[in-house]
Amino acid sequence: MGDACHFAICDDETYMSEHIKTRASDFFRRKNREITIQIFSSGEELQKYDGQLDILFLDIQMKEIDGMETARKLPVLFCSI
């Protein structure tokens, strides 16, 4: 296996974060790729993270700061809705 792919999931609904985590883990395990997954329950929490991210799954509708506002504050190279 090569370098790990660094994922983040930001969703205020725990069941959805766990669902995405399971699907991503299963997919990359079948591809023989190592991944790390960070889970954040709010945009504020994500904004404080200073680690590496390759892929971000970001919920749009969240309490306090929503996903669109959070995305505006992050250094993003590509965004797809």
PDB file of N, CA and C in Angstrom:
ATOM      1  N   MET A   1       0.836  -1.180   0.000  1.00  0.00           N
ATOM      2  CA  MET A   1       0.000   0.000   0.000  1.00  0.00           C
ATOM      3  C   MET A   1       0.880   1.242   0.000  1.00  0.00           C
ATOM      4  N   GLY A   2       0.418   2.290  -0.662  1.00  0.00           N
ATOM      5  CA  GLY A   2       1.151   3.536  -0.732  1.00  0.00           C
ATOM      6  C   GLY A   2       0.742   4.479   0.381  1.00  0.00           C
ATOM      7  N   ASP A   3       0.883   5.757   0.101  1.00  0.00           N
ATOM      8  CA  ASP A   3       0.479   6.765   1.074  1.00  0.00           C
ATOM      9  C   ASP A   3      -1.013   6.711   1.317  1.00  0.00           C
ATOM     10  N   ALA A   4      -1.400   7.012   2.534  1.00  0.00           N
ATOM     11  CA  ALA A   4      -2.816   7.008   2.890  1.00  0.00           C
ATOM     12  C   ALA A   4      -3.515   8.217   2.283  1.00  0.00           C
ATOM     13  N   CYS A   5      -4.764   8.029   1.948  1.00  0.00           N
ATOM     14  CA  CYS A   5      -5.631   9.113   1.494  1.00  0.00           C
ATOM     15  C   CYS A   5      -6.347   9.633   2.742  1.00  0.00           C
ATOM     16  N   HIS A   6      -6.339  10.933   2.946  1.00  0.00           N
ATOM     17  CA  HIS A   6      -6.881  11.538   4.160  1.00  0.00           C
ATOM     18  C   HIS A   6      -8.272  12.115   3.906  1.00  0.00           C
ATOM     19  N   PHE A   7      -9.271  11.497   4.524  1.00  0.00           N
ATOM     20  CA  PHE A   7     -10.670  11.890   4.390  1.00  0.00           C
ATOM     21  C   PHE A   7     -11.107  12.674   5.613  1.00  0.00           C
ATOM     22  N   ALA A   8     -12.080  13.537   5.411  1.00  0.00           N
ATOM     23  CA  ALA A   8     -12.794  14.147   6.529  1.00  0.00           C
ATOM     24  C   ALA A   8     -14.279  14.090   6.198  1.00  0.00           C
ATOM     25  N   ILE A   9     -15.055  13.860   7.224  1.00  0.00           N
ATOM     26  CA  ILE A   9     -16.505  13.872   7.109  1.00  0.00           C
ATOM     27  C   ILE A   9     -17.000  14.897   8.117  1.00  0.00           C
ATOM     28  N   CYS A  10     -17.777  15.859   7.644  1.00  0.00           N
ATOM     29  CA  CYS A  10     -18.322  16.880   8.530  1.00  0.00           C
ATOM     30  C   CYS A  10     -19.841  16.849   8.398  1.00  0.00           C
ATOM     31  N   ASP A  11     -20.486  16.322   9.434  1.00  0.00           N
ATOM     32  CA  ASP A  11     -21.941  16.189   9.429  1.00  0.00           C
ATOM     33  C   ASP A  11     -22.427  16.203  10.872  1.00  0.00           C
ATOM     34  N   ASP A  12     -23.496  16.919  11.140  1.00  0.00           N
ATOM     35  CA  ASP A  12     -24.007  16.978  12.508  1.00  0.00           C
ATOM     36  C   ASP A  12     -24.914  15.795  12.844  1.00  0.00           C
ATOM     37  N   GLU A  13     -25.122  14.905  11.903  1.00  0.00           N
ATOM     38  CA  GLU A  13     -25.911  13.698  12.143  1.00  0.00           C
ATOM     39  C   GLU A  13     -24.953  12.502  12.182  1.00  0.00           C
ATOM     40  N   THR A  14     -24.787  11.940  13.374  1.00  0.00           N
ATOM     41  CA  THR A  14     -23.818  10.861  13.585  1.00  0.00           C
ATOM     42  C   THR A  14     -24.067   9.669  12.678  1.00  0.00           C
ATOM     43  N   TYR A  15     -25.326   9.289  12.497  1.00  0.00           N
ATOM     44  CA  TYR A  15     -25.610   8.113  11.661  1.00  0.00           C
ATOM     45  C   TYR A  15     -25.127   8.325  10.227  1.00  0.00           C
ATOM     46  N   MET A  16     -25.215   9.553   9.716  1.00  0.00           N
ATOM     47  CA  MET A  16     -24.768   9.827   8.352  1.00  0.00           C
ATOM     48  C   MET A  16     -23.237   9.782   8.266  1.00  0.00           C
ATOM     49  N   SER A  17     -22.561  10.342   9.255  1.00  0.00           N
ATOM     50  CA  SER A  17     -21.092  10.276   9.285  1.00  0.00           C
ATOM     51  C   SER A  17     -20.624   8.829   9.305  1.00  0.00           C
ATOM     52  N   GLU A  18     -21.258   8.009  10.130  1.00  0.00           N
ATOM     53  CA  GLU A  18     -20.877   6.603  10.225  1.00  0.00           C
ATOM     54  C   GLU A  18     -21.167   5.851   8.921  1.00  0.00           C
ATOM     55  N   HIS A  19     -22.271   6.189   8.268  1.00  0.00           N
ATOM     56  CA  HIS A  19     -22.616   5.562   6.990  1.00  0.00           C
ATOM     57  C   HIS A  19     -21.555   5.883   5.928  1.00  0.00           C
ATOM     58  N   ILE A  20     -21.189   7.143   5.823  1.00  0.00           N
ATOM     59  CA  ILE A  20     -20.177   7.553   4.841  1.00  0.00           C
ATOM     60  C   ILE A  20     -18.829   6.907   5.179  1.00  0.00           C
ATOM     61  N   LYS A  21     -18.472   6.880   6.465  1.00  0.00           N
ATOM     62  CA  LYS A  21     -17.216   6.269   6.893  1.00  0.00           C
ATOM     63  C   LYS A  21     -17.165   4.793   6.500  1.00  0.00           C
ATOM     64  N   THR A  22     -18.245   4.074   6.743  1.00  0.00           N
ATOM     65  CA  THR A  22     -18.305   2.649   6.401  1.00  0.00           C
ATOM     66  C   THR A  22     -18.174   2.441   4.905  1.00  0.00           C
ATOM     67  N   ARG A  23     -18.913   3.224   4.125  1.00  0.00           N
ATOM     68  CA  ARG A  23     -18.861   3.074   2.662  1.00  0.00           C
ATOM     69  C   ARG A  23     -17.473   3.380   2.110  1.00  0.00           C
ATOM     70  N   ALA A  24     -16.869   4.474   2.581  1.00  0.00           N
ATOM     71  CA  ALA A  24     -15.529   4.844   2.102  1.00  0.00           C
ATOM     72  C   ALA A  24     -14.501   3.784   2.506  1.00  0.00           C
ATOM     73  N   SER A  25     -14.569   3.321   3.750  1.00  0.00           N
ATOM     74  CA  SER A  25     -13.636   2.293   4.227  1.00  0.00           C
ATOM     75  C   SER A  25     -13.751   1.018   3.403  1.00  0.00           C
ATOM     76  N   ASP A  26     -14.973   0.576   3.159  1.00  0.00           N
ATOM     77  CA  ASP A  26     -15.194  -0.635   2.358  1.00  0.00           C
ATOM     78  C   ASP A  26     -14.663  -0.473   0.937  1.00  0.00           C
ATOM     79  N   PHE A  27     -14.948   0.668   0.331  1.00  0.00           N
ATOM     80  CA  PHE A  27     -14.514   0.919  -1.044  1.00  0.00           C
ATOM     81  C   PHE A  27     -12.989   0.856  -1.158  1.00  0.00           C
ATOM     82  N   PHE A  28     -12.300   1.590  -0.285  1.00  0.00           N
ATOM     83  CA  PHE A  28     -10.844   1.647  -0.393  1.00  0.00           C
ATOM     84  C   PHE A  28     -10.169   0.367   0.076  1.00  0.00           C
ATOM     85  N   ARG A  29     -10.800  -0.376   0.964  1.00  0.00           N
ATOM     86  CA  ARG A  29     -10.259  -1.679   1.357  1.00  0.00           C
ATOM     87  C   ARG A  29     -10.253  -2.606   0.144  1.00  0.00           C
ATOM     88  N   ARG A  30     -11.344  -2.577  -0.645  1.00  0.00           N
ATOM     89  CA  ARG A  30     -11.401  -3.412  -1.858  1.00  0.00           C
ATOM     90  C   ARG A  30     -10.366  -2.984  -2.885  1.00  0.00           C
ATOM     91  N   LYS A  31      -9.973  -1.712  -2.871  1.00  0.00           N
ATOM     92  CA  LYS A  31      -8.963  -1.195  -3.805  1.00  0.00           C
ATOM     93  C   LYS A  31      -7.548  -1.352  -3.254  1.00  0.00           C
ATOM     94  N   ASN A  32      -7.439  -1.923  -2.055  1.00  0.00           N
ATOM     95  CA  ASN A  32      -6.144  -2.114  -1.405  1.00  0.00           C
ATOM     96  C   ASN A  32      -5.443  -0.787  -1.118  1.00  0.00           C
ATOM     97  N   ARG A  33      -6.218   0.231  -0.762  1.00  0.00           N
ATOM     98  CA  ARG A  33      -5.681   1.562  -0.451  1.00  0.00           C
ATOM     99  C   ARG A  33      -5.877   1.864   1.017  1.00  0.00           C
ATOM    100  N   GLU A  34      -4.881   2.449   1.607  1.00  0.00           N
ATOM    101  CA  GLU A  34      -4.949   2.857   3.005  1.00  0.00           C
ATOM    102  C   GLU A  34      -5.584   4.242   3.095  1.00  0.00           C
ATOM    103  N   ILE A  35      -6.508   4.409   4.041  1.00  0.00           N
ATOM    104  CA  ILE A  35      -7.125   5.717   4.253  1.00  0.00           C
ATOM    105  C   ILE A  35      -7.159   6.033   5.739  1.00  0.00           C
ATOM    106  N   THR A  36      -7.208   7.324   6.027  1.00  0.00           N
ATOM    107  CA  THR A  36      -7.498   7.785   7.376  1.00  0.00           C
ATOM    108  C   THR A  36      -8.767   8.618   7.276  1.00  0.00           C
ATOM    109  N   ILE A  37      -9.592   8.553   8.303  1.00  0.00           N
ATOM    110  CA  ILE A  37     -10.851   9.292   8.279  1.00  0.00           C
ATOM    111  C   ILE A  37     -11.004  10.072   9.578  1.00  0.00           C
ATOM    112  N   GLN A  38     -11.186  11.371   9.446  1.00  0.00           N
ATOM    113  CA  GLN A  38     -11.477  12.252  10.571  1.00  0.00           C
ATOM    114  C   GLN A  38     -12.962  12.601  10.494  1.00  0.00           C
ATOM    115  N   ILE A  39     -13.638  12.590  11.632  1.00  0.00           N
ATOM    116  CA  ILE A  39     -15.059  12.954  11.655  1.00  0.00           C
ATOM    117  C   ILE A  39     -15.233  14.206  12.497  1.00  0.00           C
ATOM    118  N   PHE A  40     -15.967  15.169  11.936  1.00  0.00           N
ATOM    119  CA  PHE A  40     -16.271  16.427  12.613  1.00  0.00           C
ATOM    120  C   PHE A  40     -17.787  16.587  12.674  1.00  0.00           C
ATOM    121  N   SER A  41     -18.283  17.081  13.792  1.00  0.00           N
ATOM    122  CA  SER A  41     -19.733  17.224  13.954  1.00  0.00           C
ATOM    123  C   SER A  41     -20.225  18.642  13.705  1.00  0.00           C
ATOM    124  N   SER A  42     -19.318  19.545  13.360  1.00  0.00           N
ATOM    125  CA  SER A  42     -19.728  20.920  13.062  1.00  0.00           C
ATOM    126  C   SER A  42     -18.696  21.591  12.169  1.00  0.00           C
ATOM    127  N   GLY A  43     -19.142  22.641  11.504  1.00  0.00           N
ATOM    128  CA  GLY A  43     -18.230  23.421  10.682  1.00  0.00           C
ATOM    129  C   GLY A  43     -17.158  24.100  11.511  1.00  0.00           C
ATOM    130  N   GLU A  44     -17.532  24.535  12.705  1.00  0.00           N
ATOM    131  CA  GLU A  44     -16.571  25.180  13.596  1.00  0.00           C
ATOM    132  C   GLU A  44     -15.441  24.221  13.966  1.00  0.00           C
ATOM    133  N   GLU A  45     -15.805  22.987  14.270  1.00  0.00           N
ATOM    134  CA  GLU A  45     -14.821  21.966  14.623  1.00  0.00           C
ATOM    135  C   GLU A  45     -13.883  21.692  13.442  1.00  0.00           C
ATOM    136  N   LEU A  46     -14.442  21.584  12.243  1.00  0.00           N
ATOM    137  CA  LEU A  46     -13.636  21.346  11.041  1.00  0.00           C
ATOM    138  C   LEU A  46     -12.662  22.495  10.789  1.00  0.00           C
ATOM    139  N   GLN A  47     -13.112  23.725  10.976  1.00  0.00           N
ATOM    140  CA  GLN A  47     -12.263  24.885  10.716  1.00  0.00           C
ATOM    141  C   GLN A  47     -11.040  24.929  11.632  1.00  0.00           C
ATOM    142  N   LYS A  48     -11.114  24.305  12.786  1.00  0.00           N
ATOM    143  CA  LYS A  48      -9.984  24.278  13.721  1.00  0.00           C
ATOM    144  C   LYS A  48      -8.947  23.215  13.352  1.00  0.00           C
ATOM    145  N   TYR A  49      -9.315  22.277  12.493  1.00  0.00           N
ATOM    146  CA  TYR A  49      -8.419  21.180  12.106  1.00  0.00           C
ATOM    147  C   TYR A  49      -7.318  21.715  11.204  1.00  0.00           C
ATOM    148  N   ASP A  50      -6.082  21.358  11.497  1.00  0.00           N
ATOM    149  CA  ASP A  50      -4.973  21.847  10.677  1.00  0.00           C
ATOM    150  C   ASP A  50      -4.183  20.717  10.015  1.00  0.00           C
ATOM    151  N   GLY A  51      -4.772  19.523   9.987  1.00  0.00           N
ATOM    152  CA  GLY A  51      -4.114  18.385   9.350  1.00  0.00           C
ATOM    153  C   GLY A  51      -4.378  18.340   7.852  1.00  0.00           C
ATOM    154  N   GLN A  52      -3.797  17.361   7.215  1.00  0.00           N
ATOM    155  CA  GLN A  52      -3.950  17.176   5.770  1.00  0.00           C
ATOM    156  C   GLN A  52      -5.311  16.571   5.445  1.00  0.00           C
ATOM    157  N   LEU A  53      -5.935  17.067   4.390  1.00  0.00           N
ATOM    158  CA  LEU A  53      -7.175  16.495   3.871  1.00  0.00           C
ATOM    159  C   LEU A  53      -7.067  16.368   2.367  1.00  0.00           C
ATOM    160  N   ASP A  54      -7.444  15.194   1.860  1.00  0.00           N
ATOM    161  CA  ASP A  54      -7.495  14.991   0.418  1.00  0.00           C
ATOM    162  C   ASP A  54      -8.934  15.042  -0.088  1.00  0.00           C
ATOM    163  N   ILE A  55      -9.857  14.524   0.722  1.00  0.00           N
ATOM    164  CA  ILE A  55     -11.266  14.472   0.340  1.00  0.00           C
ATOM    165  C   ILE A  55     -12.103  14.886   1.539  1.00  0.00           C
ATOM    166  N   LEU A  56     -13.091  15.743   1.294  1.00  0.00           N
ATOM    167  CA  LEU A  56     -13.978  16.208   2.353  1.00  0.00           C
ATOM    168  C   LEU A  56     -15.428  15.967   1.950  1.00  0.00           C
ATOM    169  N   PHE A  57     -16.150  15.246   2.795  1.00  0.00           N
ATOM    170  CA  PHE A  57     -17.593  15.103   2.655  1.00  0.00           C
ATOM    171  C   PHE A  57     -18.204  16.099   3.630  1.00  0.00           C
ATOM    172  N   LEU A  58     -18.878  17.120   3.102  1.00  0.00           N
ATOM    173  CA  LEU A  58     -19.356  18.229   3.919  1.00  0.00           C
ATOM    174  C   LEU A  58     -20.862  18.365   3.792  1.00  0.00           C
ATOM    175  N   ASP A  59     -21.556  18.208   4.912  1.00  0.00           N
ATOM    176  CA  ASP A  59     -23.008  18.387   4.958  1.00  0.00           C
ATOM    177  C   ASP A  59     -23.323  19.866   4.711  1.00  0.00           C
ATOM    178  N   ILE A  60     -24.345  20.131   3.941  1.00  0.00           N
ATOM    179  CA  ILE A  60     -24.734  21.506   3.653  1.00  0.00           C
ATOM    180  C   ILE A  60     -25.587  22.076   4.778  1.00  0.00           C
ATOM    181  N   GLN A  61     -26.550  21.313   5.267  1.00  0.00           N
ATOM    182  CA  GLN A  61     -27.466  21.803   6.290  1.00  0.00           C
ATOM    183  C   GLN A  61     -27.001  21.356   7.672  1.00  0.00           C
ATOM    184  N   MET A  62     -26.420  22.297   8.412  1.00  0.00           N
ATOM    185  CA  MET A  62     -25.981  22.030   9.778  1.00  0.00           C
ATOM    186  C   MET A  62     -26.387  23.212  10.648  1.00  0.00           C
ATOM    187  N   LYS A  63     -26.413  22.959  11.949  1.00  0.00           N
ATOM    188  CA  LYS A  63     -26.710  24.026  12.900  1.00  0.00           C
ATOM    189  C   LYS A  63     -25.543  25.004  12.934  1.00  0.00           C
ATOM    190  N   GLU A  64     -25.792  26.177  13.456  1.00  0.00           N
ATOM    191  CA  GLU A  64     -24.768  27.226  13.566  1.00  0.00           C
ATOM    192  C   GLU A  64     -24.245  27.573  12.164  1.00  0.00           C
ATOM    193  N   ILE A  65     -22.990  27.262  11.893  1.00  0.00           N
ATOM    194  CA  ILE A  65     -22.415  27.548  10.570  1.00  0.00           C
ATOM    195  C   ILE A  65     -22.759  26.387   9.642  1.00  0.00           C
ATOM    196  N   ASP A  66     -23.449  26.659   8.529  1.00  0.00           N
ATOM    197  CA  ASP A  66     -23.816  25.583   7.603  1.00  0.00           C
ATOM    198  C   ASP A  66     -22.627  25.209   6.716  1.00  0.00           C
ATOM    199  N   GLY A  67     -22.819  24.184   5.912  1.00  0.00           N
ATOM    200  CA  GLY A  67     -21.744  23.674   5.077  1.00  0.00           C
ATOM    201  C   GLY A  67     -21.241  24.660   4.037  1.00  0.00           C
ATOM    202  N   MET A  68     -22.132  25.466   3.481  1.00  0.00           N
ATOM    203  CA  MET A  68     -21.702  26.441   2.474  1.00  0.00           C
ATOM    204  C   MET A  68     -20.808  27.507   3.102  1.00  0.00           C
ATOM    205  N   GLU A  69     -21.176  27.992   4.267  1.00  0.00           N
ATOM    206  CA  GLU A  69     -20.358  28.989   4.959  1.00  0.00           C
ATOM    207  C   GLU A  69     -19.019  28.375   5.377  1.00  0.00           C
ATOM    208  N   THR A  70     -19.060  27.150   5.841  1.00  0.00           N
ATOM    209  CA  THR A  70     -17.827  26.446   6.216  1.00  0.00           C
ATOM    210  C   THR A  70     -16.907  26.319   5.008  1.00  0.00           C
ATOM    211  N   ALA A  71     -17.463  25.917   3.870  1.00  0.00           N
ATOM    212  CA  ALA A  71     -16.661  25.735   2.645  1.00  0.00           C
ATOM    213  C   ALA A  71     -15.996  27.034   2.215  1.00  0.00           C
ATOM    214  N   ARG A  72     -16.684  28.155   2.392  1.00  0.00           N
ATOM    215  CA  ARG A  72     -16.107  29.450   2.011  1.00  0.00           C
ATOM    216  C   ARG A  72     -14.861  29.776   2.837  1.00  0.00           C
ATOM    217  N   LYS A  73     -14.759  29.195   4.018  1.00  0.00           N
ATOM    218  CA  LYS A  73     -13.648  29.495   4.916  1.00  0.00           C
ATOM    219  C   LYS A  73     -12.513  28.484   4.825  1.00  0.00           C
ATOM    220  N   LEU A  74     -12.657  27.488   3.971  1.00  0.00           N
ATOM    221  CA  LEU A  74     -11.629  26.457   3.828  1.00  0.00           C
ATOM    222  C   LEU A  74     -10.867  26.634   2.522  1.00  0.00           C
ATOM    223  N   PRO A  75      -9.575  26.266   2.515  1.00  0.00           N
ATOM    224  CA  PRO A  75      -8.832  26.299   1.258  1.00  0.00           C
ATOM    225  C   PRO A  75      -9.235  25.086   0.407  1.00  0.00           C
ATOM    226  N   VAL A  76     -10.096  25.310  -0.589  1.00  0.00           N
ATOM    227  CA  VAL A  76     -10.628  24.233  -1.404  1.00  0.00           C
ATOM    228  C   VAL A  76     -10.154  24.400  -2.847  1.00  0.00           C
ATOM    229  N   LEU A  77      -9.685  23.300  -3.434  1.00  0.00           N
ATOM    230  CA  LEU A  77      -9.275  23.325  -4.828  1.00  0.00           C
ATOM    231  C   LEU A  77     -10.405  22.967  -5.765  1.00  0.00           C
ATOM    232  N   PHE A  78     -11.321  22.104  -5.327  1.00  0.00           N
ATOM    233  CA  PHE A  78     -12.442  21.676  -6.163  1.00  0.00           C
ATOM    234  C   PHE A  78     -13.618  21.370  -5.269  1.00  0.00           C
ATOM    235  N   CYS A  79     -14.764  21.829  -5.668  1.00  0.00           N
ATOM    236  CA  CYS A  79     -15.961  21.592  -4.876  1.00  0.00           C
ATOM    237  C   CYS A  79     -17.068  21.116  -5.804  1.00  0.00           C
ATOM    238  N   SER A  80     -17.778  20.058  -5.420  1.00  0.00           N
ATOM    239  CA  SER A  80     -18.891  19.542  -6.203  1.00  0.00           C
ATOM    240  C   SER A  80     -20.083  19.349  -5.299  1.00  0.00           C
ATOM    241  N   ILE A  81     -21.223  19.763  -5.769  1.00  0.00           N
ATOM    242  CA  ILE A  81     -22.459  19.629  -4.991  1.00  0.00           C
ATOM    243  C   ILE A  81     -23.325  18.566  -5.604  1.00  0.00           C
TER     244      ILE A  81
END
